[in-house]
């Protein structure tokens, strides 16, 4: 038969491992993002592009006078903190002062005048319009500046309107080539020999301009410290180290969260195997490891209870066997004295004690038989007999036996008409009814309190009930009432003595017949035992003579 219970699709332990791995992955991704942001070139801000635009126009307009040109270069350096260089169309530098230091961060002088640059190729027609951020190259009249150019000696920022440079296309005569690839730009080629690589520079801006004498030239504008300086090597190493530390700590915590409970579980298993019955794991976890630990603790509790019950069984069997044997010896001694009346009385007591011994041995053997019958590998165990039994006759015989044994106890028998038949082992089913009636008698202290034997029939089952008005069962004992060798009354008096096998045997017998048994009890008011057995439909009923294919019950 398939299990219809919903399957558990989420594993708490797997979820914990997944979250730890996700945290490590997040730390790696965060470190990667920080590295990329540290190593990525600084973006070209629009305001620096506009400043570079106007600075290029101002420098190109002063190319005819070397002194004025160098003064303008120095003024751009001090005002905008940028390197600027002017080259003619052959790549020859026209500016001799190329500062490598600024007022913001002193650094070595970078003299690029000795670094020749390759000649400029004339751009093909329409090529400049295809470049990003490019505009048309238009000739400027010699000695003139486009609108917004700087007059000599004026601060560069004065040329910008309030609120920043005007939007739209750059003025005439200036084009913007694609932005550079590197975060450190060196005008027109590789870094000059001897130049320090530690000078932080922003992305360069290149402008193709028209000089006052009509020739074409190029202005290279490189901001100094346009934003945060490029990270030193120890910053990158620090980021990598932090990522490794986070991943290592997360891995260590995950490993410890798995290794510690497993070590405790292993220690408890070894201790229990060595005979320490009090060994427990005691883990308060809700994942699979916690479930395994809880299952182990429950198994250890059950094993301890079974071993304790076994010791109690040995003590109870020893006592139960010794008591009737001692009474038999006394009865025999009295009978041997020759008094006929005493001898008859002694023989009656001997018969009663022998019946008690027989019942004790029968209970133990029946329990062993049912235990072995549940073992599919057992051999030589006789199977349960199945006969068609009339329920009314079965209960009437049980009532007769009870009245013969307990003449002073009132027994009320309430049997519904047409109870029909059940299929089962007559000896074992008789044992169930007798045990329930005997328990009801034992634990009903008032001798005049009646016991009720009731039977009704539903569509496909027979309900048999035994009700008493006895001492009842405590609520804390109800979950253990069907355990073997459990007794609510620990005394070994003749009235309530026993091994605690009666209800355990009754439950096993009923379940072997595919039925159920239950107890409803209230302390001080009484107990009701209910047995439900499957009944064949009326159309399939047969007489016991027709279906009795096995030996009759003895």
Protein backbone atom coordinates (compact mmCIF):
# COMPACT_ATOMS: atom_id res chain seq x y z
CA UNK A 1 0.00 0.00 0.00
CA UNK A 2 1.35 3.40 -0.96
CA UNK A 3 2.01 6.09 1.56
CA UNK A 4 -0.35 8.97 0.93
CA UNK A 5 1.33 11.35 3.38
CA UNK A 6 2.87 14.42 1.69
CA UNK A 7 6.54 14.05 1.04
CA UNK A 8 8.88 16.47 2.65
CA UNK A 9 10.51 18.44 -0.13
CA UNK A 10 12.63 20.80 1.93
CA UNK A 11 15.70 19.63 3.77
CA UNK A 12 16.71 21.86 6.65
CA UNK A 13 20.30 20.63 6.63
CA UNK A 14 20.59 21.06 2.87
CA UNK A 15 19.05 24.53 3.23
CA UNK A 16 21.62 25.46 5.86
CA UNK A 17 24.49 24.26 3.67
CA UNK A 18 22.96 26.06 0.68
CA UNK A 19 22.66 29.34 2.60
CA UNK A 20 26.26 29.07 3.81
CA UNK A 21 27.43 28.47 0.25
CA UNK A 22 25.27 31.34 -0.95
CA UNK A 23 26.87 33.64 1.62
CA UNK A 24 30.33 32.61 0.47
CA UNK A 25 29.33 33.13 -3.15
CA UNK A 26 27.97 36.56 -2.25
CA UNK A 27 31.23 37.47 -0.52
CA UNK A 28 33.19 36.45 -3.62
CA UNK A 29 30.88 38.45 -5.89
CA UNK A 30 31.11 41.50 -3.61
CA UNK A 31 34.88 41.29 -3.60
CA UNK A 32 34.90 40.95 -7.38
CA UNK A 33 32.69 44.03 -7.72
CA UNK A 34 34.96 46.02 -5.42
CA UNK A 35 38.00 44.96 -7.43
CA UNK A 36 36.33 45.90 -10.70
CA UNK A 37 35.31 49.27 -9.34
CA UNK A 38 38.80 49.90 -8.02
CA UNK A 39 40.51 48.85 -11.23
CA UNK A 40 38.01 50.27 -13.71
CA UNK A 41 38.92 53.55 -15.42
CA UNK A 42 37.31 56.63 -14.00
CA UNK A 43 34.33 57.78 -16.04
CA UNK A 44 34.69 60.92 -18.07
CA UNK A 45 32.52 63.50 -16.32
CA UNK A 46 30.69 65.90 -18.66
CA UNK A 47 32.02 68.97 -16.84
CA UNK A 48 35.63 67.87 -17.37
CA UNK A 49 34.90 67.31 -21.04
CA UNK A 50 33.55 70.84 -21.34
CA UNK A 51 36.50 72.25 -19.44
CA UNK A 52 38.84 70.31 -21.71
CA UNK A 53 36.94 71.65 -24.72
CA UNK A 54 37.34 75.29 -23.76
CA UNK A 55 40.95 74.75 -22.61
CA UNK A 56 41.78 73.25 -26.03
CA UNK A 57 40.25 76.25 -27.83
CA UNK A 58 42.12 78.70 -25.63
CA UNK A 59 45.44 76.90 -26.12
CA UNK A 60 45.01 76.60 -29.91
CA UNK A 61 44.27 80.34 -30.20
CA UNK A 62 47.60 81.17 -28.52
CA UNK A 63 49.76 78.81 -30.59
CA UNK A 64 51.39 81.69 -32.52
CA UNK A 65 53.19 83.07 -29.45
CA UNK A 66 55.39 80.61 -27.58
CA UNK A 67 55.56 82.64 -24.37
CA UNK A 68 51.82 83.18 -24.27
CA UNK A 69 51.31 79.51 -25.08
CA UNK A 70 53.49 78.36 -22.18
CA UNK A 71 51.80 80.80 -19.83
CA UNK A 72 48.42 79.45 -20.85
CA UNK A 73 49.63 75.89 -20.22
CA UNK A 74 50.74 76.89 -16.71
CA UNK A 75 47.44 78.66 -16.06
CA UNK A 76 45.46 75.57 -17.15
CA UNK A 77 47.61 73.41 -14.91
CA UNK A 78 47.05 75.61 -11.85
CA UNK A 79 43.37 76.28 -12.47
CA UNK A 80 42.06 72.95 -13.79
CA UNK A 81 44.77 70.63 -12.42
CA UNK A 82 45.36 69.00 -15.76
CA UNK A 83 48.16 68.28 -18.22
CA UNK A 84 47.63 69.79 -21.65
CA UNK A 85 49.81 69.50 -24.73
CA UNK A 86 49.58 70.93 -28.24
CA UNK A 87 50.97 69.10 -31.28
CA UNK A 88 51.09 70.15 -34.90
CA UNK A 89 50.02 67.95 -37.77
CA UNK A 90 53.44 66.28 -37.92
CA UNK A 91 53.22 65.23 -34.28
CA UNK A 92 55.78 67.80 -33.10
CA UNK A 93 54.95 69.22 -29.65
CA UNK A 94 54.41 72.99 -29.66
CA UNK A 95 54.35 73.28 -25.86
CA UNK A 96 57.60 72.94 -23.96
CA UNK A 97 56.21 72.98 -20.41
CA UNK A 98 54.33 69.73 -19.83
CA UNK A 99 53.81 69.60 -16.06
CA UNK A 100 53.77 66.28 -14.28
CA UNK A 101 52.97 67.71 -10.92
CA UNK A 102 49.95 69.69 -9.80
CA UNK A 103 48.91 71.71 -6.82
CA UNK A 104 46.70 68.85 -5.67
CA UNK A 105 49.29 66.08 -5.46
CA UNK A 106 52.96 66.86 -6.08
CA UNK A 107 54.73 64.48 -8.40
CA UNK A 108 57.68 64.26 -10.77
CA UNK A 109 57.84 66.54 -13.79
CA UNK A 110 56.91 64.75 -16.98
CA UNK A 111 58.63 66.46 -19.91
CA UNK A 112 57.01 65.04 -23.02
CA UNK A 113 58.60 67.49 -25.45
CA UNK A 114 61.38 64.99 -26.17
CA UNK A 115 58.91 62.24 -27.08
CA UNK A 116 58.12 62.52 -30.75
CA UNK A 117 54.67 61.44 -31.85
CA UNK A 118 53.77 59.99 -35.21
CA UNK A 119 52.31 62.38 -37.76
CA UNK A 120 48.54 62.76 -37.83
CA UNK A 121 46.67 61.28 -40.75
CA UNK A 122 44.04 63.47 -42.25
CA UNK A 123 40.63 61.98 -41.42
CA UNK A 124 38.64 60.83 -44.41
CA UNK A 125 35.62 62.76 -45.45
CA UNK A 126 32.69 62.11 -43.11
CA UNK A 127 34.77 60.01 -40.74
CA UNK A 128 34.57 62.48 -37.88
CA UNK A 129 30.80 62.45 -37.93
CA UNK A 130 30.81 58.68 -37.27
CA UNK A 131 32.93 58.99 -34.13
CA UNK A 132 31.19 59.08 -30.75
CA UNK A 133 30.83 62.59 -29.33
CA UNK A 134 32.38 64.04 -32.50
CA UNK A 135 31.47 67.17 -34.31
CA UNK A 136 32.53 68.84 -37.57
CA UNK A 137 36.03 70.21 -38.01
CA UNK A 138 35.74 73.73 -39.26
CA UNK A 139 38.58 76.13 -39.96
CA UNK A 140 39.07 79.07 -37.65
CA UNK A 141 40.31 82.42 -38.91
CA UNK A 142 43.83 83.09 -37.69
CA UNK A 143 43.98 85.00 -34.42
CA UNK A 144 40.30 84.53 -33.61
CA UNK A 145 38.55 82.42 -30.98
CA UNK A 146 35.15 80.83 -31.10
CA UNK A 147 32.42 82.19 -28.86
CA UNK A 148 33.11 81.43 -25.20
CA UNK A 149 36.89 81.29 -25.60
CA UNK A 150 39.01 82.71 -22.81
CA UNK A 151 40.65 86.12 -23.08
CA UNK A 152 44.31 86.22 -22.09
CA UNK A 153 44.82 86.22 -18.33
CA UNK A 154 41.22 85.41 -17.45
CA UNK A 155 40.47 82.43 -15.18
CA UNK A 156 39.31 79.43 -17.12
CA UNK A 157 36.23 78.88 -14.97
CA UNK A 158 34.98 82.34 -15.91
CA UNK A 159 34.34 81.10 -19.44
CA UNK A 160 31.78 78.60 -18.20
CA UNK A 161 28.25 79.87 -17.69
CA UNK A 162 26.66 79.59 -14.24
CA UNK A 163 25.48 76.06 -13.55
CA UNK A 164 28.03 74.42 -15.84
CA UNK A 165 28.77 74.28 -19.56
CA UNK A 166 25.93 74.67 -22.00
CA UNK A 167 24.32 71.50 -23.31
CA UNK A 168 24.40 70.40 -26.88
CA UNK A 169 27.13 69.90 -29.47
CA UNK A 170 30.59 71.39 -28.84
CA UNK A 171 31.52 74.66 -30.55
CA UNK A 172 32.88 74.82 -34.06
CA UNK A 173 36.32 73.54 -34.76
CA UNK A 174 36.52 70.91 -32.04
CA UNK A 175 35.85 67.18 -32.27
CA UNK A 176 35.77 64.48 -29.60
CA UNK A 177 37.35 61.14 -30.46
CA UNK A 178 36.32 57.95 -28.67
CA UNK A 179 37.20 57.79 -24.96
CA UNK A 180 40.53 56.11 -24.13
CA UNK A 181 40.73 52.54 -22.92
CA UNK A 182 43.06 53.00 -19.96
CA UNK A 183 42.64 54.86 -16.70
CA UNK A 184 46.06 56.51 -17.12
CA UNK A 185 46.50 58.37 -20.40
CA UNK A 186 49.83 59.37 -21.83
CA UNK A 187 49.48 61.78 -24.76
CA UNK A 188 50.24 60.39 -28.18
CA UNK A 189 51.71 57.02 -27.42
CA UNK A 190 53.41 55.07 -24.64
CA UNK A 191 54.60 56.51 -21.36
CA UNK A 192 57.84 58.49 -21.78
CA UNK A 193 61.06 56.98 -20.46
CA UNK A 194 61.70 57.89 -16.82
CA UNK A 195 58.14 58.97 -16.14
CA UNK A 196 56.75 57.73 -12.85
CA UNK A 197 53.84 55.24 -13.20
CA UNK A 198 52.57 56.29 -9.77
CA UNK A 199 51.25 59.64 -10.97
CA UNK A 200 47.46 59.15 -11.07
CA UNK A 201 45.87 60.54 -14.19
CA UNK A 202 42.37 60.46 -15.57
CA UNK A 203 41.20 59.58 -19.07
CA UNK A 204 42.64 61.86 -21.69
CA UNK A 205 40.66 64.06 -24.09
CA UNK A 206 41.95 64.64 -27.61
CA UNK A 207 40.82 67.52 -29.80
CA UNK A 208 41.64 68.20 -33.43
CA UNK A 209 41.91 71.99 -33.76
CA UNK A 210 42.88 74.59 -36.35
CA UNK A 211 45.94 76.64 -35.48
CA UNK A 212 46.16 80.42 -36.16
CA UNK A 213 48.47 79.85 -39.14
CA UNK A 214 45.91 77.57 -40.79
CA UNK A 215 47.56 74.26 -39.98
CA UNK A 216 45.82 71.46 -38.16
CA UNK A 217 46.86 70.45 -34.68
CA UNK A 218 45.87 68.21 -31.83
CA UNK A 219 45.36 69.10 -28.18
CA UNK A 220 45.71 66.33 -25.61
CA UNK A 221 44.09 67.16 -22.28
CA UNK A 222 44.72 64.80 -19.32
CA UNK A 223 43.05 65.59 -15.97
CA UNK A 224 45.11 65.01 -12.84
CA UNK A 225 43.17 63.29 -10.07
CA UNK A 226 39.81 63.49 -11.84
CA UNK A 227 38.26 61.43 -9.04
CA UNK A 228 39.64 59.00 -6.54
CA UNK A 229 43.21 57.99 -7.30
CA UNK A 230 43.78 54.49 -8.63
CA UNK A 231 44.04 51.98 -5.78
CA UNK A 232 47.47 50.98 -4.51
CA UNK A 233 48.44 47.34 -4.63
CA UNK A 234 47.85 46.86 -0.91
CA UNK A 235 44.20 47.93 -1.35
CA UNK A 236 43.64 45.14 -3.84
CA UNK A 237 45.43 42.69 -1.58
CA UNK A 238 43.25 43.83 1.33
CA UNK A 239 40.05 43.18 -0.64
CA UNK A 240 41.24 39.71 -1.66
CA UNK A 241 42.26 38.96 1.92
CA UNK A 242 38.86 40.05 3.25
CA UNK A 243 37.07 37.83 0.74
CA UNK A 244 39.24 34.87 1.71
CA UNK A 245 38.65 35.53 5.41
CA UNK A 246 34.87 35.69 4.93
CA UNK A 247 34.84 32.48 2.87
CA UNK A 248 37.13 30.75 5.36
CA UNK A 249 35.07 31.77 8.40
CA UNK A 250 31.82 30.72 6.70
CA UNK A 251 33.34 27.35 5.76
CA UNK A 252 34.63 26.86 9.30
CA UNK A 253 31.25 27.65 10.85
CA UNK A 254 29.50 25.29 8.43
CA UNK A 255 31.98 22.50 9.14
CA UNK A 256 31.66 22.96 12.91
CA UNK A 257 27.85 23.01 12.73
CA UNK A 258 28.02 19.59 11.05
CA UNK A 259 30.97 18.01 12.84
CA UNK A 260 30.04 18.82 16.44
CA UNK A 261 26.58 17.19 16.51
CA UNK A 262 27.88 14.18 14.60
CA UNK A 263 30.67 13.80 17.15
CA UNK A 264 28.14 13.93 20.00
CA UNK A 265 25.97 11.37 18.22
CA UNK A 266 28.93 9.06 17.68
CA UNK A 267 29.95 9.38 21.34
CA UNK A 268 26.43 8.55 22.53
CA UNK A 269 26.26 5.51 20.24
CA UNK A 270 29.56 4.17 21.57
CA UNK A 271 28.50 4.79 25.16
CA UNK A 272 25.18 3.00 24.70
CA UNK A 273 26.94 0.10 23.01
CA UNK A 274 29.27 -0.12 26.02
CA UNK A 275 26.30 -0.58 28.35
CA UNK A 276 25.71 2.98 29.55
CA UNK A 277 21.93 3.00 29.26
CA UNK A 278 21.72 6.63 30.38
CA UNK A 279 23.71 7.85 27.35
CA UNK A 280 21.74 10.37 25.27
CA UNK A 281 22.61 12.83 22.52
CA UNK A 282 20.36 15.67 23.66
CA UNK A 283 20.60 17.88 20.57
CA UNK A 284 18.09 20.72 20.23
CA UNK A 285 18.13 21.03 16.43
CA UNK A 286 15.35 21.06 13.87
CA UNK A 287 17.26 19.71 10.85
CA UNK A 288 17.98 16.13 9.82
CA UNK A 289 20.83 15.76 12.32
CA UNK A 290 18.44 16.80 15.09
CA UNK A 291 15.88 14.26 13.86
CA UNK A 292 18.49 11.49 13.89
CA UNK A 293 19.57 12.50 17.40
CA UNK A 294 15.96 12.57 18.62
CA UNK A 295 15.32 9.15 17.06
CA UNK A 296 18.42 7.77 18.78
CA UNK A 297 17.32 9.17 22.15
CA UNK A 298 13.86 7.68 21.66
CA UNK A 299 15.38 4.33 20.74
CA UNK A 300 17.59 4.47 23.83
CA UNK A 301 14.56 5.26 26.01
CA UNK A 302 12.63 2.32 24.58
CA UNK A 303 15.61 0.00 24.97
CA UNK A 304 16.04 1.09 28.57
CA UNK A 305 12.33 0.55 29.22
CA UNK A 306 12.44 -2.91 27.64
CA UNK A 307 15.44 -3.93 29.71
CA UNK A 308 13.76 -2.62 32.84
CA UNK A 309 10.60 -4.52 31.91
CA UNK A 310 12.65 -7.66 31.37
CA UNK A 311 14.10 -7.37 34.86
CA UNK A 312 10.62 -6.78 36.26
CA UNK A 313 9.37 -9.80 34.30
CA UNK A 314 11.96 -12.04 35.89
CA UNK A 315 11.03 -10.75 39.32
CA UNK A 316 7.29 -11.09 38.66
CA UNK A 317 7.56 -14.58 37.16
CA UNK A 318 9.65 -15.72 40.10
CA UNK A 319 7.11 -14.35 42.54
CA UNK A 320 4.06 -15.62 40.64
CA UNK A 321 5.53 -19.11 40.39
CA UNK A 322 6.69 -19.20 44.00
CA UNK A 323 3.35 -18.11 45.47
CA UNK A 324 1.09 -20.88 44.07
CA UNK A 325 3.78 -23.48 44.61
CA UNK A 326 4.03 -22.46 48.25
CA UNK A 327 0.25 -22.67 48.63
CA UNK A 328 0.23 -26.09 46.96
CA UNK A 329 2.86 -27.32 49.43
CA UNK A 330 0.83 -26.06 52.37
CA UNK A 331 -2.33 -27.67 50.98
CA UNK A 332 -0.56 -30.98 50.54
CA UNK A 333 0.75 -30.83 54.09
CA UNK A 334 -2.74 -30.18 55.41
CA UNK A 335 -4.23 -32.97 53.28
CA UNK A 336 -1.67 -35.43 54.58
CA UNK A 337 -2.95 -35.01 58.15
CA UNK A 338 -5.92 -37.33 57.40
CA UNK A 339 -8.86 -34.97 57.93
CA UNK A 340 -11.20 -35.56 54.97
CA UNK A 341 -12.79 -32.10 55.17
CA UNK A 342 -9.42 -30.37 55.26
CA UNK A 343 -8.19 -32.61 52.47
CA UNK A 344 -11.09 -31.66 50.22
CA UNK A 345 -10.55 -27.98 50.95
CA UNK A 346 -6.84 -28.36 50.27
CA UNK A 347 -7.52 -30.11 46.98
CA UNK A 348 -9.76 -27.20 45.93
CA UNK A 349 -6.98 -24.70 46.71
CA UNK A 350 -4.49 -26.86 44.83
CA UNK A 351 -6.79 -26.88 41.81
CA UNK A 352 -7.10 -23.08 41.94
CA UNK A 353 -3.34 -22.63 42.25
CA UNK A 354 -2.68 -25.02 39.40
CA UNK A 355 -5.12 -23.06 37.22
CA UNK A 356 -3.25 -19.88 38.09
CA UNK A 357 0.04 -21.50 37.13
CA UNK A 358 -1.48 -22.76 33.91
CA UNK A 359 -2.77 -19.28 33.07
CA UNK A 360 0.62 -17.75 33.80
CA UNK A 361 2.47 -20.21 31.61
CA UNK A 362 -0.16 -19.88 28.88
CA UNK A 363 0.23 -16.08 28.83
CA UNK A 364 4.00 -16.32 28.48
CA UNK A 365 3.77 -18.94 25.74
CA UNK A 366 1.10 -17.00 23.85
CA UNK A 367 3.21 -13.84 23.95
CA UNK A 368 6.19 -15.76 22.58
CA UNK A 369 4.02 -17.35 19.91
CA UNK A 370 2.69 -14.00 18.70
CA UNK A 371 6.16 -12.46 18.70
CA UNK A 372 7.52 -15.29 16.61
CA UNK A 373 4.51 -15.23 14.30
CA UNK A 374 5.34 -11.63 13.37
CA UNK A 375 8.83 -12.70 12.33
CA UNK A 376 8.57 -13.68 8.68
CA UNK A 377 11.80 -15.66 8.94
CA UNK A 378 10.58 -17.83 11.79
CA UNK A 379 9.92 -21.46 10.99
CA UNK A 380 7.97 -24.13 12.81
CA UNK A 381 5.51 -21.62 14.29
CA UNK A 382 1.89 -22.75 13.91
CA UNK A 383 -0.20 -20.11 12.13
CA UNK A 384 -3.38 -18.64 13.57
CA UNK A 385 -6.43 -20.80 13.05
CA UNK A 386 -9.30 -19.20 11.14
CA UNK A 387 -12.79 -20.50 11.77
CA UNK A 388 -16.23 -19.04 11.23
CA UNK A 389 -17.35 -18.19 14.79
CA UNK A 390 -20.78 -17.07 15.89
CA UNK A 391 -20.27 -13.92 17.96
CA UNK A 392 -23.27 -14.41 20.24
CA UNK A 393 -22.24 -17.93 21.17
CA UNK A 394 -18.63 -16.81 21.77
CA UNK A 395 -19.74 -14.09 24.19
CA UNK A 396 -22.32 -16.24 25.97
CA UNK A 397 -19.69 -18.89 26.69
CA UNK A 398 -17.34 -16.21 28.02
CA UNK A 399 -20.11 -14.90 30.30
CA UNK A 400 -20.77 -18.41 31.59
CA UNK A 401 -17.12 -18.93 32.45
CA UNK A 402 -16.96 -15.57 34.21
CA UNK A 403 -20.07 -16.23 36.32
CA UNK A 404 -18.71 -19.64 37.33
CA UNK A 405 -15.44 -18.10 38.48
CA UNK A 406 -16.94 -15.03 40.18
CA UNK A 407 -20.38 -15.89 41.52
CA UNK A 408 -20.67 -12.73 43.62
CA UNK A 409 -19.97 -10.31 40.73
CA UNK A 410 -23.01 -9.08 38.75
CA UNK A 411 -22.52 -9.41 34.98
CA UNK A 412 -24.86 -7.71 32.53
CA UNK A 413 -24.85 -9.15 29.01
CA UNK A 414 -26.31 -6.94 26.27
CA UNK A 415 -26.14 -8.58 22.85
CA UNK A 416 -27.76 -7.09 19.79
CA UNK A 417 -29.79 -9.48 17.63
CA UNK A 418 -28.27 -10.89 14.47
CA UNK A 419 -24.64 -10.31 15.44
CA UNK A 420 -23.56 -12.80 12.84
CA UNK A 421 -20.15 -14.36 12.51
CA UNK A 422 -16.45 -13.46 12.58
CA UNK A 423 -13.47 -15.31 11.15
CA UNK A 424 -10.75 -15.98 13.69
CA UNK A 425 -8.92 -18.23 16.08
CA UNK A 426 -11.44 -19.34 18.74
CA UNK A 427 -8.84 -19.94 21.45
CA UNK A 428 -7.20 -16.55 21.04
CA UNK A 429 -10.46 -14.61 20.74
CA UNK A 430 -11.74 -16.38 23.85
CA UNK A 431 -8.53 -15.28 25.58
CA UNK A 432 -9.24 -11.64 24.67
CA UNK A 433 -12.78 -11.65 26.12
CA UNK A 434 -11.67 -13.52 29.26
CA UNK A 435 -8.78 -11.10 29.88
CA UNK A 436 -11.00 -8.03 29.53
CA UNK A 437 -13.62 -9.48 31.90
CA UNK A 438 -10.95 -10.55 34.36
CA UNK A 439 -9.34 -7.10 34.39
CA UNK A 440 -12.73 -5.47 34.92
CA UNK A 441 -13.31 -7.73 37.92
CA UNK A 442 -9.83 -7.22 39.40
CA UNK A 443 -9.94 -3.44 39.35
CA UNK A 444 -13.54 -3.03 40.55
CA UNK A 445 -13.25 -2.86 44.31
CA UNK A 446 -16.97 -2.78 45.15
CA UNK A 447 -18.24 -6.39 45.01
CA UNK A 448 -21.76 -5.30 44.08
CA UNK A 449 -20.66 -3.05 41.16
CA UNK A 450 -21.83 -4.68 37.93
CA UNK A 451 -19.76 -5.37 34.83
CA UNK A 452 -21.36 -4.99 31.41
CA UNK A 453 -20.60 -7.13 28.36
CA UNK A 454 -22.10 -5.49 25.27
CA UNK A 455 -21.96 -6.34 21.54
CA UNK A 456 -23.36 -4.52 18.49
CA UNK A 457 -22.93 -4.86 14.77
CA UNK A 458 -22.23 -2.20 12.17
CA UNK A 459 -22.13 -2.70 8.41
CA UNK A 460 -18.78 -4.47 8.28
CA UNK A 461 -17.59 -4.85 11.88
CA UNK A 462 -18.50 -6.21 15.28
CA UNK A 463 -18.11 -3.93 18.32
CA UNK A 464 -17.56 -5.71 21.66
CA UNK A 465 -17.44 -3.59 24.83
CA UNK A 466 -16.57 -4.47 28.44
CA UNK A 467 -17.51 -1.72 30.91
CA UNK A 468 -16.79 -1.57 34.64
CA UNK A 469 -17.20 0.88 37.52
CA UNK A 470 -13.77 0.31 38.98
CA UNK A 471 -10.84 2.47 40.01
CA UNK A 472 -10.05 3.63 36.47
CA UNK A 473 -6.69 4.40 34.91
CA UNK A 474 -4.64 7.57 35.41
CA UNK A 475 -4.16 9.78 32.36
CA UNK A 476 -0.37 9.48 32.53
CA UNK A 477 -0.66 5.67 32.37
CA UNK A 478 -2.92 5.56 29.31
CA UNK A 479 -0.11 5.75 26.68
CA UNK A 480 1.66 2.81 28.37
CA UNK A 481 -1.32 0.61 29.15
CA UNK A 482 -0.75 -1.76 26.20
CA UNK A 483 2.98 -2.20 26.77
CA UNK A 484 4.12 -5.67 27.78
CA UNK A 485 4.70 -6.15 31.53
CA UNK A 486 3.21 -2.76 32.41
CA UNK A 487 0.96 -2.76 35.46
CA UNK A 488 -0.93 0.18 36.90
CA UNK A 489 -0.95 -1.58 40.27
CA UNK A 490 2.61 -2.59 41.19
CA UNK A 491 1.48 -4.75 44.08
CA UNK A 492 1.66 -8.53 43.88
CA UNK A 493 -1.50 -9.26 45.83
CA UNK A 494 -3.53 -12.25 44.82
CA UNK A 495 -6.43 -9.98 43.89
CA UNK A 496 -4.59 -7.78 41.36
CA UNK A 497 -1.38 -9.68 40.78
CA UNK A 498 -0.14 -10.64 37.35
CA UNK A 499 2.63 -10.07 34.83
CA UNK A 500 1.09 -7.18 32.93
CA UNK A 501 0.65 -9.28 29.80
CA UNK A 502 -3.15 -9.40 29.60
CA UNK A 503 -3.83 -6.18 27.66
CA UNK A 504 -0.65 -6.52 25.60
CA UNK A 505 -1.74 -10.01 24.52
CA UNK A 506 -5.27 -8.80 23.83
CA UNK A 507 -3.97 -6.05 21.55
CA UNK A 508 -1.69 -8.42 19.64
CA UNK A 509 -4.47 -10.96 19.18
CA UNK A 510 -6.97 -8.36 17.96
CA UNK A 511 -4.46 -6.83 15.54
CA UNK A 512 -3.64 -10.33 14.26
CA UNK A 513 -7.34 -10.57 13.34
CA UNK A 514 -7.15 -7.15 11.57
CA UNK A 515 -9.13 -5.45 14.31
CA UNK A 516 -8.54 -2.67 16.85
CA UNK A 517 -8.76 -2.36 20.62
CA UNK A 518 -9.02 0.83 22.69
CA UNK A 519 -9.53 1.87 26.30
CA UNK A 520 -11.52 4.84 27.62
CA UNK A 521 -11.02 5.42 31.31
CA UNK A 522 -11.56 8.04 33.98
CA UNK A 523 -9.78 7.77 37.28
CA UNK A 524 -12.20 6.81 40.05
CA UNK A 525 -15.16 6.19 37.72
CA UNK A 526 -14.34 3.15 35.60
CA UNK A 527 -13.02 1.87 32.29
CA UNK A 528 -14.52 0.85 28.95
CA UNK A 529 -12.64 -1.54 26.67
CA UNK A 530 -13.73 -1.57 23.01
CA UNK A 531 -12.83 -4.31 20.53
CA UNK A 532 -13.66 -3.93 16.83
CA UNK A 533 -13.41 -7.00 14.60
CA UNK A 534 -14.11 -7.15 10.86
CA UNK A 535 -17.23 -9.13 10.02
CA UNK A 536 -18.03 -10.80 6.69
CA UNK A 537 -21.10 -9.53 4.81
CA UNK A 538 -24.36 -11.39 5.48
CA UNK A 539 -24.34 -12.99 2.01
CA UNK A 540 -21.09 -14.81 2.77
CA UNK A 541 -22.12 -16.20 6.12
CA UNK A 542 -21.68 -19.93 6.58
CA UNK A 543 -22.35 -22.19 9.47
CA UNK A 544 -19.38 -23.25 11.57
CA UNK A 545 -19.83 -26.81 10.33
CA UNK A 546 -19.45 -25.65 6.71
CA UNK A 547 -16.31 -23.63 7.29
CA UNK A 548 -14.59 -25.61 10.01
CA UNK A 549 -11.73 -26.99 8.02
CA UNK A 550 -9.22 -26.92 10.86
CA UNK A 551 -9.27 -28.70 14.22
CA UNK A 552 -11.74 -27.46 16.79
CA UNK A 553 -10.65 -25.24 19.60
CA UNK A 554 -9.54 -27.02 22.64
